[in-house]
C-alpha atoms as a PDB file:
ATOM      1  CA  UNK A   1     118.193  73.506   5.250  1.00  0.00           C
ATOM      2  CA  UNK A   2     116.554  74.778   8.336  1.00  0.00           C
ATOM      3  CA  UNK A   3     118.602  75.627  11.379  1.00  0.00           C
ATOM      4  CA  UNK A   4     118.409  73.013  14.044  1.00  0.00           C
ATOM      5  CA  UNK A   5     117.604  73.680  17.641  1.00  0.00           C
ATOM      6  CA  UNK A   6     121.195  72.994  18.443  1.00  0.00           C
ATOM      7  CA  UNK A   7     122.314  75.636  16.142  1.00  0.00           C
ATOM      8  CA  UNK A   8     120.183  78.206  17.589  1.00  0.00           C
ATOM      9  CA  UNK A   9     121.083  77.798  20.929  1.00  0.00           C
ATOM     10  CA  UNK A  10     124.776  77.926  19.798  1.00  0.00           C
ATOM     11  CA  UNK A  11     124.308  81.109  17.673  1.00  0.00           C
ATOM     12  CA  UNK A  12     122.631  82.681  20.855  1.00  0.00           C
ATOM     13  CA  UNK A  13     125.411  81.641  23.292  1.00  0.00           C
ATOM     14  CA  UNK A  14     128.096  83.032  20.989  1.00  0.00           C
ATOM     15  CA  UNK A  15     126.077  86.023  20.283  1.00  0.00           C
ATOM     16  CA  UNK A  16     125.582  86.953  24.291  1.00  0.00           C
ATOM     17  CA  UNK A  17     129.582  85.998  24.710  1.00  0.00           C
ATOM     18  CA  UNK A  18     130.300  88.422  22.065  1.00  0.00           C
ATOM     19  CA  UNK A  19     128.315  91.288  23.555  1.00  0.00           C
ATOM     20  CA  UNK A  20     129.895  90.680  27.035  1.00  0.00           C
ATOM     21  CA  UNK A  21     133.270  90.895  25.560  1.00  0.00           C
ATOM     22  CA  UNK A  22     132.525  94.073  23.619  1.00  0.00           C
ATOM     23  CA  UNK A  23     131.174  95.506  26.898  1.00  0.00           C
ATOM     24  CA  UNK A  24     134.528  94.421  28.645  1.00  0.00           C
ATOM     25  CA  UNK A  25     136.488  95.842  26.153  1.00  0.00           C
ATOM     26  CA  UNK A  26     135.090  99.270  26.427  1.00  0.00           C
ATOM     27  CA  UNK A  27     136.605 101.632  29.112  1.00  0.00           C
ATOM     28  CA  UNK A  28     134.514 101.536  32.159  1.00  0.00           C
ATOM     29  CA  UNK A  29     134.171 104.664  34.263  1.00  0.00           C
ATOM     30  CA  UNK A  30     135.696 104.640  37.816  1.00  0.00           C
ATOM     31  CA  UNK A  31     133.478 103.416  40.430  1.00  0.00           C
ATOM     32  CA  UNK A  32     132.825 105.383  43.243  1.00  0.00           C
ATOM     33  CA  UNK A  33     134.033 104.036  46.499  1.00  0.00           C
ATOM     34  CA  UNK A  34     131.622 103.423  49.243  1.00  0.00           C
ATOM     35  CA  UNK A  35     132.857 103.909  52.793  1.00  0.00           C
ATOM     36  CA  UNK A  36     132.168 101.308  55.305  1.00  0.00           C
ATOM     37  CA  UNK A  37     130.080 102.350  57.710  1.00  0.00           C
ATOM     38  CA  UNK A  38     131.535 103.224  61.127  1.00  0.00           C
ATOM     39  CA  UNK A  39     130.940 101.047  64.297  1.00  0.00           C
ATOM     40  CA  UNK A  40     128.176 101.464  66.323  1.00  0.00           C
ATOM     41  CA  UNK A  41     129.569 102.885  69.517  1.00  0.00           C
ATOM     42  CA  UNK A  42     128.996 101.063  72.782  1.00  0.00           C
ATOM     43  CA  UNK A  43     126.026 101.750  75.087  1.00  0.00           C
ATOM     44  CA  UNK A  44     126.970 104.252  77.819  1.00  0.00           C
ATOM     45  CA  UNK A  45     128.144 102.562  81.440  1.00  0.00           C
ATOM     46  CA  UNK A  46     125.281 101.706  83.757  1.00  0.00           C
ATOM     47  CA  UNK A  47     125.753 102.835  87.141  1.00  0.00           C
ATOM     48  CA  UNK A  48     123.150 100.886  88.825  1.00  0.00           C
ATOM     49  CA  UNK A  49     125.068  97.882  90.619  1.00  0.00           C
ATOM     50  CA  UNK A  50     123.239  95.051  91.790  1.00  0.00           C
ATOM     51  CA  UNK A  51     124.609  93.239  94.926  1.00  0.00           C
ATOM     52  CA  UNK A  52     126.283  89.681  94.457  1.00  0.00           C
ATOM     53  CA  UNK A  53     123.966  87.143  95.580  1.00  0.00           C
ATOM     54  CA  UNK A  54     126.970  84.727  96.491  1.00  0.00           C
ATOM     55  CA  UNK A  55     128.523  85.289 100.161  1.00  0.00           C
ATOM     56  CA  UNK A  56     132.120  86.578  99.934  1.00  0.00           C
ATOM     57  CA  UNK A  57     134.574  84.376 101.790  1.00  0.00           C
ATOM     58  CA  UNK A  58     136.123  85.322 105.425  1.00  0.00           C
ATOM     59  CA  UNK A  59     139.630  85.967 105.544  1.00  0.00           C
ATOM     60  CA  UNK A  60     139.657  82.658 107.677  1.00  0.00           C
ATOM     61  CA  UNK A  61     138.059  80.902 105.236  1.00  0.00           C
ATOM     62  CA  UNK A  62     140.483  81.981 102.573  1.00  0.00           C
ATOM     63  CA  UNK A  63     143.357  81.015 104.662  1.00  0.00           C
ATOM     64  CA  UNK A  64     142.023  77.591 105.321  1.00  0.00           C
ATOM     65  CA  UNK A  65     141.362  76.958 101.702  1.00  0.00           C
ATOM     66  CA  UNK A  66     145.125  77.848 101.240  1.00  0.00           C
ATOM     67  CA  UNK A  67     146.280  75.611 103.767  1.00  0.00           C
ATOM     68  CA  UNK A  68     144.012  72.603 102.504  1.00  0.00           C
ATOM     69  CA  UNK A  69     145.322  73.482  98.956  1.00  0.00           C
ATOM     70  CA  UNK A  70     149.043  73.293  99.842  1.00  0.00           C
ATOM     71  CA  UNK A  71     148.358  70.158 101.936  1.00  0.00           C
ATOM     72  CA  UNK A  72     146.935  68.438  99.010  1.00  0.00           C
ATOM     73  CA  UNK A  73     149.939  69.376  96.776  1.00  0.00           C
ATOM     74  CA  UNK A  74     152.267  67.727  99.510  1.00  0.00           C
ATOM     75  CA  UNK A  75     149.993  64.511  99.271  1.00  0.00           C
ATOM     76  CA  UNK A  76     150.084  64.371  95.734  1.00  0.00           C
ATOM     77  CA  UNK A  77     154.092  64.728  95.720  1.00  0.00           C
ATOM     78  CA  UNK A  78     154.112  62.146  98.576  1.00  0.00           C
ATOM     79  CA  UNK A  79     152.156  59.582  96.269  1.00  0.00           C
ATOM     80  CA  UNK A  80     154.385  60.310  92.952  1.00  0.00           C
ATOM     81  CA  UNK A  81     157.172  59.598  94.994  1.00  0.00           C
ATOM     82  CA  UNK A  82     155.938  56.431  96.528  1.00  0.00           C
ATOM     83  CA  UNK A  83     154.744  55.028  93.098  1.00  0.00           C
ATOM     84  CA  UNK A  84     157.957  55.678  91.370  1.00  0.00           C
ATOM     85  CA  UNK A  85     155.928  55.983  88.079  1.00  0.00           C
ATOM     86  CA  UNK A  86     158.261  58.282  86.081  1.00  0.00           C
ATOM     87  CA  UNK A  87     155.376  60.203  84.061  1.00  0.00           C
ATOM     88  CA  UNK A  88     153.664  60.733  87.401  1.00  0.00           C
ATOM     89  CA  UNK A  89     156.585  62.095  89.051  1.00  0.00           C
ATOM     90  CA  UNK A  90     157.546  64.370  86.179  1.00  0.00           C
ATOM     91  CA  UNK A  91     153.931  65.711  86.259  1.00  0.00           C
ATOM     92  CA  UNK A  92     154.152  66.702  90.110  1.00  0.00           C
ATOM     93  CA  UNK A  93     157.830  67.960  89.711  1.00  0.00           C
ATOM     94  CA  UNK A  94     156.914  70.263  86.900  1.00  0.00           C
ATOM     95  CA  UNK A  95     153.661  71.545  88.073  1.00  0.00           C
ATOM     96  CA  UNK A  96     153.044  70.861  91.860  1.00  0.00           C
ATOM     97  CA  UNK A  97     156.555  71.199  93.305  1.00  0.00           C
ATOM     98  CA  UNK A  98     157.114  74.770  91.855  1.00  0.00           C
ATOM     99  CA  UNK A  99     153.734  76.027  93.033  1.00  0.00           C
ATOM    100  CA  UNK A 100     154.568  74.820  96.596  1.00  0.00           C
ATOM    101  CA  UNK A 101     157.973  76.180  96.608  1.00  0.00           C
ATOM    102  CA  UNK A 102     156.373  79.671  95.481  1.00  0.00           C
ATOM    103  CA  UNK A 103     153.636  79.843  98.372  1.00  0.00           C
ATOM    104  CA  UNK A 104     154.833  77.595 100.928  1.00  0.00           C
ATOM    105  CA  UNK A 105     158.546  76.580 100.729  1.00  0.00           C
ATOM    106  CA  UNK A 106     158.614  75.557 104.623  1.00  0.00           C
ATOM    107  CA  UNK A 107     156.371  72.685 103.593  1.00  0.00           C
ATOM    108  CA  UNK A 108     158.963  71.730 101.087  1.00  0.00           C
ATOM    109  CA  UNK A 109     161.813  71.565 103.455  1.00  0.00           C
ATOM    110  CA  UNK A 110     159.648  69.677 105.821  1.00  0.00           C
ATOM    111  CA  UNK A 111     158.880  67.223 103.066  1.00  0.00           C
ATOM    112  CA  UNK A 112     162.342  66.557 102.159  1.00  0.00           C
ATOM    113  CA  UNK A 113     163.084  66.102 105.800  1.00  0.00           C
ATOM    114  CA  UNK A 114     160.578  63.565 106.136  1.00  0.00           C
ATOM    115  CA  UNK A 115     161.766  61.300 103.243  1.00  0.00           C
ATOM    116  CA  UNK A 116     163.919  58.352 104.314  1.00  0.00           C
ATOM    117  CA  UNK A 117     167.648  58.179 102.574  1.00  0.00           C
ATOM    118  CA  UNK A 118     167.188  56.507  99.473  1.00  0.00           C
ATOM    119  CA  UNK A 119     166.086  57.121  95.775  1.00  0.00           C
ATOM    120  CA  UNK A 120     162.918  59.137  96.350  1.00  0.00           C
ATOM    121  CA  UNK A 121     164.602  61.388  98.969  1.00  0.00           C
ATOM    122  CA  UNK A 122     167.449  61.928  96.411  1.00  0.00           C
ATOM    123  CA  UNK A 123     164.933  62.759  93.350  1.00  0.00           C
ATOM    124  CA  UNK A 124     162.999  65.147  95.601  1.00  0.00           C
ATOM    125  CA  UNK A 125     166.052  66.724  96.987  1.00  0.00           C
ATOM    126  CA  UNK A 126     167.557  67.479  93.122  1.00  0.00           C
ATOM    127  CA  UNK A 127     164.053  68.667  91.977  1.00  0.00           C
ATOM    128  CA  UNK A 128     163.961  71.221  94.813  1.00  0.00           C
ATOM    129  CA  UNK A 129     167.353  72.449  94.176  1.00  0.00           C
ATOM    130  CA  UNK A 130     166.930  72.822  90.585  1.00  0.00           C
ATOM    131  CA  UNK A 131     163.756  74.707  90.791  1.00  0.00           C
ATOM    132  CA  UNK A 132     164.322  76.679  94.154  1.00  0.00           C
ATOM    133  CA  UNK A 133     167.779  77.915  93.069  1.00  0.00           C
ATOM    134  CA  UNK A 134     165.973  79.874  90.081  1.00  0.00           C
ATOM    135  CA  UNK A 135     163.470  81.314  92.153  1.00  0.00           C
ATOM    136  CA  UNK A 136     165.381  82.226  95.323  1.00  0.00           C
ATOM    137  CA  UNK A 137     169.233  81.722  95.730  1.00  0.00           C
ATOM    138  CA  UNK A 138     169.509  83.090  99.269  1.00  0.00           C
ATOM    139  CA  UNK A 139     166.803  80.774 100.388  1.00  0.00           C
ATOM    140  CA  UNK A 140     168.124  77.704  98.709  1.00  0.00           C
ATOM    141  CA  UNK A 141     171.707  78.369 100.011  1.00  0.00           C
ATOM    142  CA  UNK A 142     170.209  78.402 103.670  1.00  0.00           C
ATOM    143  CA  UNK A 143     168.233  75.309 102.930  1.00  0.00           C
ATOM    144  CA  UNK A 144     171.157  73.318 101.438  1.00  0.00           C
ATOM    145  CA  UNK A 145     173.392  74.518 104.556  1.00  0.00           C
ATOM    146  CA  UNK A 146     170.720  72.855 107.013  1.00  0.00           C
ATOM    147  CA  UNK A 147     171.093  69.465 105.267  1.00  0.00           C
ATOM    148  CA  UNK A 148     172.766  67.423 108.109  1.00  0.00           C
ATOM    149  CA  UNK A 149     174.513  64.913 105.645  1.00  0.00           C
ATOM    150  CA  UNK A 150     177.676  66.445 104.250  1.00  0.00           C
ATOM    151  CA  UNK A 151     177.347  64.305 100.921  1.00  0.00           C
ATOM    152  CA  UNK A 152     173.775  65.634 100.655  1.00  0.00           C
ATOM    153  CA  UNK A 153     175.177  68.953 101.000  1.00  0.00           C
ATOM    154  CA  UNK A 154     177.681  68.684  98.305  1.00  0.00           C
ATOM    155  CA  UNK A 155     175.589  66.691  95.821  1.00  0.00           C
ATOM    156  CA  UNK A 156     172.687  69.253  96.155  1.00  0.00           C
ATOM    157  CA  UNK A 157     175.106  72.220  95.739  1.00  0.00           C
ATOM    158  CA  UNK A 158     176.537  70.454  92.575  1.00  0.00           C
ATOM    159  CA  UNK A 159     172.860  70.494  91.089  1.00  0.00           C
ATOM    160  CA  UNK A 160     172.165  74.319  92.118  1.00  0.00           C
ATOM    161  CA  UNK A 161     175.374  75.416  90.646  1.00  0.00           C
ATOM    162  CA  UNK A 162     174.981  73.428  87.466  1.00  0.00           C
ATOM    163  CA  UNK A 163     171.476  74.955  87.201  1.00  0.00           C
ATOM    164  CA  UNK A 164     172.072  78.759  87.891  1.00  0.00           C
ATOM    165  CA  UNK A 165     175.371  78.524  85.562  1.00  0.00           C
ATOM    166  CA  UNK A 166     173.383  78.784  82.589  1.00  0.00           C
ATOM    167  CA  UNK A 167     171.352  81.862  83.878  1.00  0.00           C
ATOM    168  CA  UNK A 168     173.905  83.782  86.201  1.00  0.00           C
ATOM    169  CA  UNK A 169     177.411  82.634  86.090  1.00  0.00           C
ATOM    170  CA  UNK A 170     178.661  84.927  88.762  1.00  0.00           C
ATOM    171  CA  UNK A 171     175.917  83.787  91.154  1.00  0.00           C
ATOM    172  CA  UNK A 172     176.911  79.931  90.233  1.00  0.00           C
ATOM    173  CA  UNK A 173     180.355  80.663  91.200  1.00  0.00           C
ATOM    174  CA  UNK A 174     179.413  82.480  94.505  1.00  0.00           C
ATOM    175  CA  UNK A 175     177.279  79.384  95.330  1.00  0.00           C
ATOM    176  CA  UNK A 176     180.022  77.111  94.479  1.00  0.00           C
ATOM    177  CA  UNK A 177     182.461  78.897  96.742  1.00  0.00           C
ATOM    178  CA  UNK A 178     180.431  78.426  99.687  1.00  0.00           C
ATOM    179  CA  UNK A 179     180.221  74.533  99.314  1.00  0.00           C
ATOM    180  CA  UNK A 180     183.469  73.823  97.753  1.00  0.00           C
ATOM    181  CA  UNK A 181     182.090  72.900  94.493  1.00  0.00           C
ATOM    182  CA  UNK A 182     183.899  72.579  91.051  1.00  0.00           C
ATOM    183  CA  UNK A 183     187.409  73.147  92.558  1.00  0.00           C
ATOM    184  CA  UNK A 184     189.166  69.748  92.280  1.00  0.00           C
ATOM    185  CA  UNK A 185     187.478  68.760  88.835  1.00  0.00           C
ATOM    186  CA  UNK A 186     188.089  72.030  87.257  1.00  0.00           C
ATOM    187  CA  UNK A 187     184.496  72.857  86.656  1.00  0.00           C
ATOM    188  CA  UNK A 188     184.551  76.416  87.805  1.00  0.00           C
ATOM    189  CA  UNK A 189     187.522  77.091  85.486  1.00  0.00           C
ATOM    190  CA  UNK A 190     185.627  75.677  82.570  1.00  0.00           C
ATOM    191  CA  UNK A 191     182.752  77.627  83.600  1.00  0.00           C
ATOM    192  CA  UNK A 192     184.545  80.792  83.569  1.00  0.00           C
ATOM    193  CA  UNK A 193     186.199  80.196  80.239  1.00  0.00           C
ATOM    194  CA  UNK A 194     182.646  79.569  78.664  1.00  0.00           C
ATOM    195  CA  UNK A 195     181.184  82.545  80.294  1.00  0.00           C
ATOM    196  CA  UNK A 196     184.031  84.784  78.671  1.00  0.00           C
ATOM    197  CA  UNK A 197     183.294  83.214  75.470  1.00  0.00           C
ATOM    198  CA  UNK A 198     179.640  83.926  75.492  1.00  0.00           C
ATOM    199  CA  UNK A 199     179.832  87.381  77.381  1.00  0.00           C
ATOM    200  CA  UNK A 200     183.247  88.856  77.532  1.00  0.00           C
ATOM    201  CA  UNK A 201     182.470  92.234  79.075  1.00  0.00           C
ATOM    202  CA  UNK A 202     180.477  90.645  81.844  1.00  0.00           C
ATOM    203  CA  UNK A 203     183.267  88.232  82.433  1.00  0.00           C
ATOM    204  CA  UNK A 204     185.488  90.721  82.594  1.00  0.00           C
ATOM    205  CA  UNK A 205     183.590  93.233  85.013  1.00  0.00           C
ATOM    206  CA  UNK A 206     183.424  90.384  87.162  1.00  0.00           C
ATOM    207  CA  UNK A 207     187.133  89.582  87.123  1.00  0.00           C
ATOM    208  CA  UNK A 208     188.091  93.181  88.032  1.00  0.00           C
ATOM    209  CA  UNK A 209     186.040  93.084  90.835  1.00  0.00           C
ATOM    210  CA  UNK A 210     187.441  90.077  92.522  1.00  0.00           C
ATOM    211  CA  UNK A 211     190.531  90.040  95.043  1.00  0.00           C
ATOM    212  CA  UNK A 212     193.762  88.790  93.796  1.00  0.00           C
ATOM    213  CA  UNK A 213     193.855  85.386  95.536  1.00  0.00           C
ATOM    214  CA  UNK A 214     194.467  81.750  95.131  1.00  0.00           C
ATOM    215  CA  UNK A 215     190.636  81.006  94.425  1.00  0.00           C
ATOM    216  CA  UNK A 216     189.831  83.699  92.100  1.00  0.00           C
ATOM    217  CA  UNK A 217     193.202  83.441  90.085  1.00  0.00           C
ATOM    218  CA  UNK A 218     192.592  80.628  88.106  1.00  0.00           C
ATOM    219  CA  UNK A 219     189.348  81.877  86.606  1.00  0.00           C
ATOM    220  CA  UNK A 220     190.462  85.331  86.105  1.00  0.00           C
ATOM    221  CA  UNK A 221     193.250  83.557  83.970  1.00  0.00           C
ATOM    222  CA  UNK A 222     190.852  81.785  81.798  1.00  0.00           C
ATOM    223  CA  UNK A 223     189.003  84.812  81.375  1.00  0.00           C
ATOM    224  CA  UNK A 224     192.206  86.700  80.197  1.00  0.00           C
ATOM    225  CA  UNK A 225     193.045  84.172  77.965  1.00  0.00           C
ATOM    226  CA  UNK A 226     189.655  84.291  76.366  1.00  0.00           C
ATOM    227  CA  UNK A 227     190.277  88.006  76.081  1.00  0.00           C
ATOM    228  CA  UNK A 228     193.820  87.467  74.406  1.00  0.00           C
ATOM    229  CA  UNK A 229     192.513  84.916  71.941  1.00  0.00           C
ATOM    230  CA  UNK A 230     189.617  87.173  70.863  1.00  0.00           C
ATOM    231  CA  UNK A 231     191.985  90.179  70.363  1.00  0.00           C
ATOM    232  CA  UNK A 232     194.446  87.902  68.099  1.00  0.00           C
ATOM    233  CA  UNK A 233     191.647  86.711  66.167  1.00  0.00           C
ATOM    234  CA  UNK A 234     190.356  90.194  65.589  1.00  0.00           C
ATOM    235  CA  UNK A 235     193.795  91.447  64.767  1.00  0.00           C
ATOM    236  CA  UNK A 236     194.208  88.438  62.109  1.00  0.00           C
ATOM    237  CA  UNK A 237     190.799  89.406  60.549  1.00  0.00           C
ATOM    238  CA  UNK A 238     191.983  92.946  59.914  1.00  0.00           C
ATOM    239  CA  UNK A 239     195.144  91.959  58.761  1.00  0.00           C
ATOM    240  CA  UNK A 240     193.676  89.742  56.048  1.00  0.00           C
ATOM    241  CA  UNK A 241     191.317  92.333  55.041  1.00  0.00           C
ATOM    242  CA  UNK A 242     193.972  94.962  55.158  1.00  0.00           C
ATOM    243  CA  UNK A 243     196.052  92.205  52.686  1.00  0.00           C
ATOM    244  CA  UNK A 244     193.073  92.006  50.227  1.00  0.00           C
ATOM    245  CA  UNK A 245     192.628  95.635  50.049  1.00  0.00           C
ATOM    246  CA  UNK A 246     196.145  96.155  49.124  1.00  0.00           C
ATOM    247  CA  UNK A 247     196.196  93.245  46.856  1.00  0.00           C
ATOM    248  CA  UNK A 248     192.964  94.760  44.818  1.00  0.00           C
ATOM    249  CA  UNK A 249     194.872  98.193  44.631  1.00  0.00           C
ATOM    250  CA  UNK A 250     197.941  96.697  43.167  1.00  0.00           C
ATOM    251  CA  UNK A 251     195.914  94.858  40.557  1.00  0.00           C
ATOM    252  CA  UNK A 252     194.386  98.077  39.468  1.00  0.00           C
END
């Protein structure tokens, strides 16, 4: 029987595979590692400079551009307040208002003053207090004291104190004292307790620096209560640990 073409091809493939397998089975000599070529060094610096073709703006032009930019920010904020579009307001309050507060806070103060009493004025005043108190506490306090309406001053101070409490509780308490915020509803006592629970050393340092008077006494009492509670919890934990150790020794 003569071998067919298929038989010949299969035999050739099997032979080739066996040869490769035998070559793989034999130990190969270690290959010499070829190091990568080093990066080409940059060309030397060129000391020849060509003058710019564009004209540099003058100081007056720079100041005028800054004024125009700030005026544009004011217009956009006013349009968002008038439109009462929540998304548009969120955009200007998140991006434009902080920029204007940073570079031209006087325009922001004037912008609030121009607003008629109502929802738009309340919204703008609240956002100014939230953003400004995080940037400049003293300037924000001066602005809040300049508000003619007592109810506006109190509500705005509440916003500022609540915002500041998460970052600097000691400053929040100081601002609250100036505007009479948080005494009647127990907010300051609660703030002192939360502060002590999260950072007892800082709260105790503040408490020790305060004079003993009717205003600081309730806050100091909350801080002392947290300190005692933590000490008792620590003592109970150490007692349980000693009990478990003694029990293990008795079993042995």
